[in-house]
């Protein structure tokens, strides 16, 4: 077989495999029966709200949305029901801080008592930080400081270093600790009560490509990615093991990390832990939140797990940043994009 024919045969085999996987999960788990929890759905223009709309569109009935502010969750629920007046969806609102063990245990009890289990878990919540490290300390030589004022000092004082400590703690709690607590509480429930359990975690391209003014955010998001991938490996080995107090065996929980670039919504402005001034980066090519939601649900429905990077070409930037020959190019692009 010639090289061209071999390449064509491989391409054809890949296309057939992709076609066979299309909506494979839906064929085994009907949307009307699927039990979905969306953790982090307090913003009308946020990804959690967009995911809620997508699930209503496809006929999912059993959905719980979770956040820390009841009035915000009620607004998201009302907007969704107004947009789809004929939908037969039972949307439950549950108030919880997902870094609190007692709140997460209460959430688990709510899901099990209301639905008898869980099939699909979306971890959407998180925080961002948008100042350079020296800016947090108040001594950024480019003037991008926490107080918005240029400085003539060389060294950070105690207050500046304390801002670094607080930003790291808040970022780690929101992006890493919360994810770990939720997975620790809900993975056994998924293993015990679903035949096709799936977890989608909203990461970030910042966890793949380092960027100026995002040092702490990049660190916590990359840590989140490693956490989720490691838990996925652990679940691989746990699949098929007995469930205590039951004759059933644990199902194989699959994981999808969604790593989007900047999204065109209010996330950065509302959830930055270190600045109230909004993002400095160029958002001319920011993603549409509904596109991210659609692609996320489509990947889960087709059981294409692993990592979804959006826009997809950013994956090449992540690879290029690892090699000396192309690292400088990625750095130049990052400086231009983040205007630093």
Protein backbone atom coordinates (compact mmCIF):
# COMPACT_ATOMS: atom_id res chain seq x y z
CA UNK A 1 0.00 0.00 0.00
CA UNK A 2 1.34 3.40 -0.94
CA UNK A 3 1.79 6.12 1.67
CA UNK A 4 -1.09 8.11 0.18
CA UNK A 5 -3.46 5.14 0.32
CA UNK A 6 -2.41 4.35 3.88
CA UNK A 7 -3.05 7.95 4.94
CA UNK A 8 -6.45 7.90 3.21
CA UNK A 9 -7.37 4.61 4.90
CA UNK A 10 -6.38 5.97 8.32
CA UNK A 11 -8.38 9.14 7.72
CA UNK A 12 -11.42 7.13 6.65
CA UNK A 13 -11.13 4.89 9.73
CA UNK A 14 -10.90 7.97 11.96
CA UNK A 15 -13.98 9.55 10.36
CA UNK A 16 -15.98 6.34 10.79
CA UNK A 17 -14.91 6.12 14.44
CA UNK A 18 -16.00 9.72 15.03
CA UNK A 19 -19.36 9.07 13.37
CA UNK A 20 -19.95 5.97 15.49
CA UNK A 21 -19.17 7.95 18.65
CA UNK A 22 -21.58 10.78 17.80
CA UNK A 23 -24.15 11.05 20.59
CA UNK A 24 -23.10 7.61 21.85
CA UNK A 25 -23.86 8.49 25.47
CA UNK A 26 -27.31 9.82 24.57
CA UNK A 27 -28.18 6.47 23.03
CA UNK A 28 -27.52 4.79 26.38
CA UNK A 29 -28.70 7.60 28.67
CA UNK A 30 -31.75 9.47 27.41
CA UNK A 31 -31.71 13.23 28.09
CA UNK A 32 -35.10 12.99 29.79
CA UNK A 33 -33.61 10.58 32.33
CA UNK A 34 -30.24 12.27 32.78
CA UNK A 35 -29.57 13.88 36.17
CA UNK A 36 -27.36 16.96 35.88
CA UNK A 37 -25.73 19.24 38.44
CA UNK A 38 -24.15 22.54 37.35
CA UNK A 39 -21.93 23.99 40.05
CA UNK A 40 -21.34 27.66 39.39
CA UNK A 41 -24.42 29.13 37.71
CA UNK A 42 -24.93 32.48 39.43
CA UNK A 43 -24.32 34.79 36.47
CA UNK A 44 -26.86 35.44 33.72
CA UNK A 45 -24.16 35.65 31.03
CA UNK A 46 -21.98 32.94 32.54
CA UNK A 47 -21.06 29.49 31.30
CA UNK A 48 -23.18 27.79 33.97
CA UNK A 49 -26.29 29.59 32.71
CA UNK A 50 -25.39 28.77 29.10
CA UNK A 51 -25.02 25.08 30.02
CA UNK A 52 -28.43 25.19 31.69
CA UNK A 53 -29.97 26.54 28.48
CA UNK A 54 -28.25 23.85 26.42
CA UNK A 55 -29.56 21.06 28.63
CA UNK A 56 -33.11 22.45 28.51
CA UNK A 57 -32.88 22.59 24.70
CA UNK A 58 -31.95 18.91 24.48
CA UNK A 59 -34.79 17.81 26.76
CA UNK A 60 -33.04 17.24 30.07
CA UNK A 61 -35.57 17.33 32.93
CA UNK A 62 -33.58 16.86 36.13
CA UNK A 63 -31.17 19.76 36.67
CA UNK A 64 -29.76 21.36 39.81
CA UNK A 65 -27.91 24.67 39.58
CA UNK A 66 -25.59 25.62 42.41
CA UNK A 67 -24.07 28.88 43.57
CA UNK A 68 -23.49 31.01 46.64
CA UNK A 69 -26.23 33.63 46.02
CA UNK A 70 -29.84 32.50 45.97
CA UNK A 71 -31.18 35.63 44.31
CA UNK A 72 -28.67 35.24 41.48
CA UNK A 73 -29.55 31.56 41.01
CA UNK A 74 -33.26 32.41 41.00
CA UNK A 75 -32.61 35.00 38.28
CA UNK A 76 -30.73 32.46 36.14
CA UNK A 77 -33.52 29.91 36.62
CA UNK A 78 -36.25 32.43 35.78
CA UNK A 79 -34.42 33.61 32.65
CA UNK A 80 -34.04 30.04 31.43
CA UNK A 81 -37.70 29.16 32.01
CA UNK A 82 -38.77 32.39 30.30
CA UNK A 83 -36.64 31.59 27.27
CA UNK A 84 -38.06 28.04 27.02
CA UNK A 85 -41.68 28.38 28.23
CA UNK A 86 -42.70 24.97 26.96
CA UNK A 87 -39.82 23.10 28.50
CA UNK A 88 -40.59 20.23 30.82
CA UNK A 89 -37.57 20.86 33.04
CA UNK A 90 -37.45 20.62 36.82
CA UNK A 91 -34.70 23.11 37.69
CA UNK A 92 -33.72 23.04 41.34
CA UNK A 93 -31.76 25.86 42.96
CA UNK A 94 -29.27 24.94 45.67
CA UNK A 95 -27.22 27.49 47.60
CA UNK A 96 -23.73 26.26 48.49
CA UNK A 97 -20.16 27.39 48.85
CA UNK A 98 -18.31 24.58 47.10
CA UNK A 99 -15.21 25.10 49.24
CA UNK A 100 -17.27 24.29 52.36
CA UNK A 101 -17.38 20.62 53.32
CA UNK A 102 -20.73 20.95 55.10
CA UNK A 103 -22.30 22.71 52.10
CA UNK A 104 -21.02 20.08 49.69
CA UNK A 105 -22.28 17.25 51.90
CA UNK A 106 -25.68 18.97 52.00
CA UNK A 107 -25.58 19.24 48.19
CA UNK A 108 -24.84 15.53 47.89
CA UNK A 109 -27.81 14.73 50.16
CA UNK A 110 -30.05 17.01 48.08
CA UNK A 111 -29.05 15.31 44.81
CA UNK A 112 -29.47 11.80 46.17
CA UNK A 113 -32.81 12.47 47.85
CA UNK A 114 -34.28 14.38 44.89
CA UNK A 115 -33.00 12.29 41.98
CA UNK A 116 -31.69 9.09 43.50
CA UNK A 117 -28.26 9.76 42.04
CA UNK A 118 -26.24 11.77 39.54
CA UNK A 119 -25.16 11.21 35.94
CA UNK A 120 -23.43 14.43 34.86
CA UNK A 121 -21.47 16.87 37.00
CA UNK A 122 -20.30 20.25 35.72
CA UNK A 123 -17.73 22.09 37.85
CA UNK A 124 -17.90 25.62 36.47
CA UNK A 125 -17.16 27.77 39.52
CA UNK A 126 -13.82 29.48 39.98
CA UNK A 127 -12.07 32.81 40.42
CA UNK A 128 -9.45 34.69 38.49
CA UNK A 129 -6.61 37.08 39.27
CA UNK A 130 -5.46 39.67 36.75
CA UNK A 131 -2.48 41.49 38.25
CA UNK A 132 1.22 40.72 37.81
CA UNK A 133 2.91 39.35 40.92
CA UNK A 134 4.83 42.57 41.58
CA UNK A 135 1.62 44.50 40.97
CA UNK A 136 0.00 42.63 43.85
CA UNK A 137 2.97 43.65 45.98
CA UNK A 138 2.57 47.25 44.85
CA UNK A 139 5.96 47.55 43.19
CA UNK A 140 5.31 46.75 39.54
CA UNK A 141 7.77 48.83 37.48
CA UNK A 142 5.23 49.14 34.65
CA UNK A 143 2.72 50.67 37.04
CA UNK A 144 0.18 47.82 36.96
CA UNK A 145 -0.33 47.86 40.73
CA UNK A 146 -3.16 46.83 43.03
CA UNK A 147 -3.88 50.45 43.97
CA UNK A 148 -3.64 51.63 40.37
CA UNK A 149 -0.83 54.02 41.24
CA UNK A 150 2.71 53.94 39.86
CA UNK A 151 5.39 53.44 42.47
CA UNK A 152 8.96 54.59 42.95
CA UNK A 153 9.72 51.89 45.51
CA UNK A 154 11.89 48.93 44.63
CA UNK A 155 10.88 46.56 47.42
CA UNK A 156 7.50 45.32 48.59
CA UNK A 157 6.39 46.12 52.11
CA UNK A 158 4.56 43.77 54.47
CA UNK A 159 1.14 44.89 53.22
CA UNK A 160 2.10 44.14 49.62
CA UNK A 161 3.38 40.67 50.47
CA UNK A 162 0.22 40.01 52.47
CA UNK A 163 -1.83 40.82 49.34
CA UNK A 164 0.11 38.08 47.53
CA UNK A 165 -0.67 35.63 50.33
CA UNK A 166 -4.38 36.49 50.27
CA UNK A 167 -4.63 36.31 46.48
CA UNK A 168 -2.94 32.91 46.38
CA UNK A 169 -5.24 31.62 49.14
CA UNK A 170 -8.42 32.92 47.48
CA UNK A 171 -7.38 31.66 44.05
CA UNK A 172 -6.37 28.23 45.33
CA UNK A 173 -9.61 27.89 47.30
CA UNK A 174 -11.78 28.82 44.34
CA UNK A 175 -9.96 26.89 41.64
CA UNK A 176 -8.33 23.95 43.41
CA UNK A 177 -9.73 23.30 46.88
CA UNK A 178 -13.35 23.55 45.76
CA UNK A 179 -12.76 21.18 42.86
CA UNK A 180 -11.07 18.64 45.13
CA UNK A 181 -13.82 18.81 47.78
CA UNK A 182 -16.60 18.41 45.21
CA UNK A 183 -14.90 15.46 43.51
CA UNK A 184 -14.25 13.81 46.87
CA UNK A 185 -17.92 14.12 47.76
CA UNK A 186 -19.61 13.37 44.44
CA UNK A 187 -17.38 10.88 42.59
CA UNK A 188 -18.57 7.95 44.80
CA UNK A 189 -22.18 9.00 44.14
CA UNK A 190 -21.52 9.03 40.39
CA UNK A 191 -19.83 5.62 40.61
CA UNK A 192 -22.72 4.12 42.54
CA UNK A 193 -25.78 5.60 40.83
CA UNK A 194 -25.01 6.16 37.14
CA UNK A 195 -24.36 3.79 34.27
CA UNK A 196 -22.49 6.45 32.23
CA UNK A 197 -21.12 8.94 34.80
CA UNK A 198 -19.35 12.01 33.47
CA UNK A 199 -17.60 15.02 34.99
CA UNK A 200 -16.84 18.21 33.05
CA UNK A 201 -14.50 20.66 34.74
CA UNK A 202 -14.07 24.19 33.43
CA UNK A 203 -10.34 24.83 33.40
CA UNK A 204 -8.61 27.43 31.27
CA UNK A 205 -6.02 27.90 28.58
CA UNK A 206 -4.20 29.73 31.39
CA UNK A 207 -3.54 26.28 32.82
CA UNK A 208 -1.75 25.37 29.58
CA UNK A 209 0.01 28.54 28.45
CA UNK A 210 1.66 30.85 30.97
CA UNK A 211 0.80 34.52 30.61
CA UNK A 212 1.82 37.90 32.05
CA UNK A 213 -0.62 39.40 34.61
CA UNK A 214 -2.00 35.88 35.18
CA UNK A 215 0.79 34.28 37.22
CA UNK A 216 -1.36 33.13 40.15
CA UNK A 217 -4.34 32.27 37.97
CA UNK A 218 -2.13 30.18 35.68
CA UNK A 219 -0.65 28.38 38.68
CA UNK A 220 -4.00 27.46 40.22
CA UNK A 221 -5.59 26.46 36.91
CA UNK A 222 -2.68 24.21 35.94
CA UNK A 223 -2.92 22.65 39.40
CA UNK A 224 -6.64 22.08 38.82
CA UNK A 225 -5.90 20.37 35.50
CA UNK A 226 -3.38 18.03 37.13
CA UNK A 227 -5.81 17.29 39.97
CA UNK A 228 -8.61 16.31 37.58
CA UNK A 229 -6.38 14.22 35.32
CA UNK A 230 -4.93 12.39 38.31
CA UNK A 231 -8.39 11.69 39.75
CA UNK A 232 -9.41 10.39 36.32
CA UNK A 233 -6.57 7.85 36.49
CA UNK A 234 -7.67 6.85 39.97
CA UNK A 235 -11.23 6.33 38.73
CA UNK A 236 -9.89 4.11 35.94
CA UNK A 237 -8.66 1.64 38.55
CA UNK A 238 -11.71 1.99 40.80
CA UNK A 239 -14.15 1.02 38.05
CA UNK A 240 -15.67 -2.39 38.61
CA UNK A 241 -14.81 -2.59 42.31
CA UNK A 242 -17.60 -3.47 44.78
CA UNK A 243 -19.71 -0.73 46.32
CA UNK A 244 -19.89 -1.09 50.11
CA UNK A 245 -23.32 -2.26 51.27
CA UNK A 246 -24.42 -3.11 47.73
CA UNK A 247 -24.20 -5.97 45.26
CA UNK A 248 -23.42 -3.49 42.47
CA UNK A 249 -20.00 -2.45 41.25
CA UNK A 250 -18.59 1.01 40.67
CA UNK A 251 -19.16 2.55 37.25
CA UNK A 252 -16.30 4.11 35.32
CA UNK A 253 -16.41 7.89 35.78
CA UNK A 254 -15.10 9.78 32.74
CA UNK A 255 -13.65 13.28 32.84
CA UNK A 256 -13.57 16.19 30.44
CA UNK A 257 -11.48 19.30 31.10
CA UNK A 258 -12.77 22.27 29.12
CA UNK A 259 -9.95 24.79 28.69
CA UNK A 260 -11.39 27.91 27.04
CA UNK A 261 -9.61 31.12 26.25
CA UNK A 262 -11.22 34.46 27.17
CA UNK A 263 -15.01 34.32 27.03
CA UNK A 264 -17.15 37.30 26.14
CA UNK A 265 -18.97 37.75 29.46
CA UNK A 266 -18.60 39.38 32.87
CA UNK A 267 -16.60 36.59 34.58
CA UNK A 268 -13.28 38.45 34.85
CA UNK A 269 -14.90 41.68 36.01
CA UNK A 270 -16.99 39.92 38.68
CA UNK A 271 -14.68 37.17 39.92
CA UNK A 272 -11.22 38.72 39.93
CA UNK A 273 -9.88 38.47 43.49
CA UNK A 274 -7.19 41.12 43.10
CA UNK A 275 -8.63 43.97 41.01
CA UNK A 276 -11.89 45.80 40.32
CA UNK A 277 -10.67 47.43 37.12
CA UNK A 278 -11.50 44.60 34.73
CA UNK A 279 -9.17 42.77 32.35
CA UNK A 280 -6.31 44.43 30.45
CA UNK A 281 -6.12 41.73 27.78
CA UNK A 282 -7.30 42.07 24.20
CA UNK A 283 -10.75 40.49 23.94
CA UNK A 284 -11.46 41.14 20.28
CA UNK A 285 -11.49 37.40 19.63
CA UNK A 286 -13.16 36.31 22.85
CA UNK A 287 -15.29 33.18 22.68
CA UNK A 288 -19.07 33.20 22.68
CA UNK A 289 -20.26 31.57 25.91
CA UNK A 290 -23.03 29.67 24.09
CA UNK A 291 -20.50 28.12 21.71
CA UNK A 292 -18.45 26.89 24.67
CA UNK A 293 -21.55 25.38 26.29
CA UNK A 294 -22.62 23.70 23.04
CA UNK A 295 -19.17 22.20 22.42
CA UNK A 296 -18.93 21.00 26.02
CA UNK A 297 -22.24 19.14 25.97
CA UNK A 298 -21.52 17.74 22.51
CA UNK A 299 -18.22 16.25 23.72
CA UNK A 300 -19.93 14.61 26.69
CA UNK A 301 -22.77 13.27 24.53
CA UNK A 302 -20.22 11.73 22.16
CA UNK A 303 -18.12 10.43 25.08
CA UNK A 304 -15.03 12.26 23.83
CA UNK A 305 -13.30 12.89 27.10
CA UNK A 306 -9.85 14.18 27.99
CA UNK A 307 -9.35 17.87 27.18
CA UNK A 308 -11.26 20.32 25.00
CA UNK A 309 -9.17 23.41 24.23
CA UNK A 310 -11.02 26.42 22.82
CA UNK A 311 -10.13 27.91 20.45
CA UNK A 312 -8.48 24.72 19.29
CA UNK A 313 -5.35 26.38 17.87
CA UNK A 314 -4.33 27.39 21.41
CA UNK A 315 -3.32 23.76 21.93
CA UNK A 316 -0.52 24.40 19.44
CA UNK A 317 0.58 27.41 21.49
CA UNK A 318 0.72 25.19 24.57
CA UNK A 319 2.99 22.78 22.72
CA UNK A 320 5.11 25.58 21.28
CA UNK A 321 5.66 27.08 24.73
CA UNK A 322 7.52 23.92 25.77
CA UNK A 323 10.29 24.19 23.17
CA UNK A 324 13.19 26.61 23.18
CA UNK A 325 12.91 27.30 19.46
CA UNK A 326 9.30 28.54 19.68
CA UNK A 327 9.03 29.74 23.28
CA UNK A 328 10.04 33.31 22.43
CA UNK A 329 7.30 33.54 19.79
CA UNK A 330 4.65 32.44 22.27
CA UNK A 331 6.00 34.96 24.78
CA UNK A 332 5.71 37.82 22.26
CA UNK A 333 2.13 36.86 21.46
CA UNK A 334 1.29 36.68 25.18
CA UNK A 335 2.76 40.12 25.86
CA UNK A 336 0.70 41.59 23.03
CA UNK A 337 -2.50 39.81 24.03
CA UNK A 338 -2.29 40.74 27.71
CA UNK A 339 -0.93 44.22 27.01
CA UNK A 340 1.98 43.85 29.38
